[in-house]
Protein backbone atom coordinates (compact mmCIF):
# COMPACT_ATOMS: atom_id res chain seq x y z
CA MET A 1 152.59 0.19 205.46
CA ASN A 2 149.58 1.92 204.04
CA ASP A 3 149.91 5.37 202.43
CA GLY A 4 146.75 6.49 204.21
CA PHE A 5 148.41 5.83 207.56
CA PHE A 6 151.43 7.92 206.56
CA PHE A 7 149.19 10.77 205.35
CA ILE A 8 147.28 10.83 208.64
CA TRP A 9 150.57 10.63 210.54
CA ALA A 10 151.99 13.49 208.44
CA PHE A 11 148.95 15.69 209.17
CA ILE A 12 149.04 14.99 212.92
CA THR A 13 152.79 15.58 213.08
CA GLY A 14 152.44 18.78 211.07
CA ALA A 15 149.77 19.96 213.50
CA ALA A 16 152.05 19.15 216.45
CA LEU A 17 154.90 21.07 214.81
CA GLY A 18 152.55 23.98 214.18
CA ILE A 19 151.35 24.04 217.78
CA LEU A 20 154.97 23.97 218.95
CA PHE A 21 155.97 26.73 216.52
CA PHE A 22 153.06 29.13 216.95
CA GLY A 23 152.54 28.37 220.63
CA GLY A 24 156.24 29.00 221.20
CA LEU A 25 155.96 32.25 219.29
CA TRP A 26 153.07 33.39 221.47
CA ILE A 27 154.92 32.52 224.68
CA THR A 28 158.06 34.27 223.43
CA VAL A 29 156.20 37.47 222.60
CA LYS A 30 154.50 37.46 226.01
CA LYS A 31 157.88 37.03 227.75
CA THR A 32 159.61 39.85 225.83
CA VAL A 33 157.63 42.45 227.78
CA THR A 34 159.09 41.35 231.11
CA ILE A 35 162.77 40.78 230.31
CA LYS A 36 165.62 43.26 230.00
CA ASN A 37 167.06 42.17 226.63
CA PRO A 38 164.28 40.71 224.45
CA ALA A 39 166.37 40.55 221.26
CA ILE A 40 168.32 37.53 222.48
CA LEU A 41 165.12 35.72 223.46
CA LEU A 42 163.45 36.51 220.13
CA ALA A 43 166.46 35.40 218.07
CA GLY A 44 167.05 32.24 220.08
CA SER A 45 163.39 31.29 220.03
CA MET A 46 163.17 31.86 216.28
CA LEU A 47 166.21 29.69 215.60
CA LEU A 48 165.00 26.91 217.89
CA ARG A 49 161.40 26.89 216.62
CA THR A 50 162.45 27.10 212.96
CA GLY A 51 165.10 24.40 213.37
CA ILE A 52 162.71 21.97 215.05
CA THR A 53 160.04 22.64 212.42
CA LEU A 54 162.39 22.15 209.46
CA VAL A 55 163.86 18.95 210.88
CA GLY A 56 160.33 17.67 211.53
CA PHE A 57 159.24 18.45 207.97
CA TYR A 58 162.36 16.74 206.61
CA TYR A 59 161.81 13.52 208.56
CA ILE A 60 158.08 13.34 207.95
CA SER A 61 158.29 13.97 204.22
CA GLN A 62 160.96 11.32 203.56
CA GLY A 63 161.40 12.80 200.09
CA ASP A 64 157.69 12.51 199.22
CA TRP A 65 156.12 15.82 198.20
CA GLN A 66 152.63 14.59 199.10
CA ARG A 67 153.60 13.88 202.70
CA LEU A 68 155.31 17.26 202.87
CA LEU A 69 152.18 18.98 201.58
CA ILE A 70 149.94 17.18 204.08
CA CYS A 71 152.36 17.97 206.89
CA LEU A 72 152.22 21.63 205.83
CA ALA A 73 148.41 21.48 205.88
CA GLY A 74 148.54 20.23 209.47
CA PHE A 75 151.02 22.99 210.32
CA ILE A 76 148.69 25.65 208.90
CA ALA A 77 145.66 24.12 210.63
CA ALA A 78 147.55 24.35 213.92
CA ARG A 79 148.05 28.06 213.32
CA PHE A 80 144.30 28.59 213.45
CA ILE A 81 143.99 26.36 216.52
CA VAL A 82 146.68 28.34 218.37
CA ILE A 83 145.11 31.67 217.36
CA ARG A 84 141.73 30.54 218.66
CA PHE A 85 143.21 29.16 221.89
CA THR A 86 145.29 32.28 222.61
CA LYS A 87 142.32 34.56 221.96
CA LEU A 88 140.30 32.57 224.50
CA ILE A 89 143.08 32.89 227.06
CA GLU A 90 143.49 36.63 226.45
CA THR A 91 139.74 37.21 226.67
CA LYS A 92 139.53 35.24 229.91
CA GLN A 93 142.46 37.19 231.41
CA MET A 94 140.93 40.52 230.39
CA HIS A 95 137.61 39.48 231.91
CA LEU A 96 139.30 38.46 235.18
CA ASN A 97 141.24 41.72 235.30
CA LYS A 98 138.03 43.67 234.75
CA GLU A 99 136.34 41.83 237.62
CA ASP A 100 139.31 42.54 239.91
CA SER A 101 139.21 46.26 239.12
CA HIS A 102 135.47 46.44 239.87
CA GLU A 103 135.94 44.81 243.27
CA SER A 104 138.51 47.41 244.38
């Protein structure tokens, strides 16, 4: 197949891995406030997210440093996407909470 196809596929897969990794991190941090023993959740989540990410990088790169680099670029791009998305969610929740407190 065409190298261009593999480079696009590597970027998209890297972005998906990044969304899974950073989105999972955000969810984990939000859950640690409500549970009794957050250390187990944090450690388990870190191992799971890191393991999935490393296996994904390994399979996508197939020994080619260029694919690995493009996959990493997609992973980093996903970080900014998740940050933007989570800020929107937090802002919306704060705004809704503010409206609820004014109604009372």
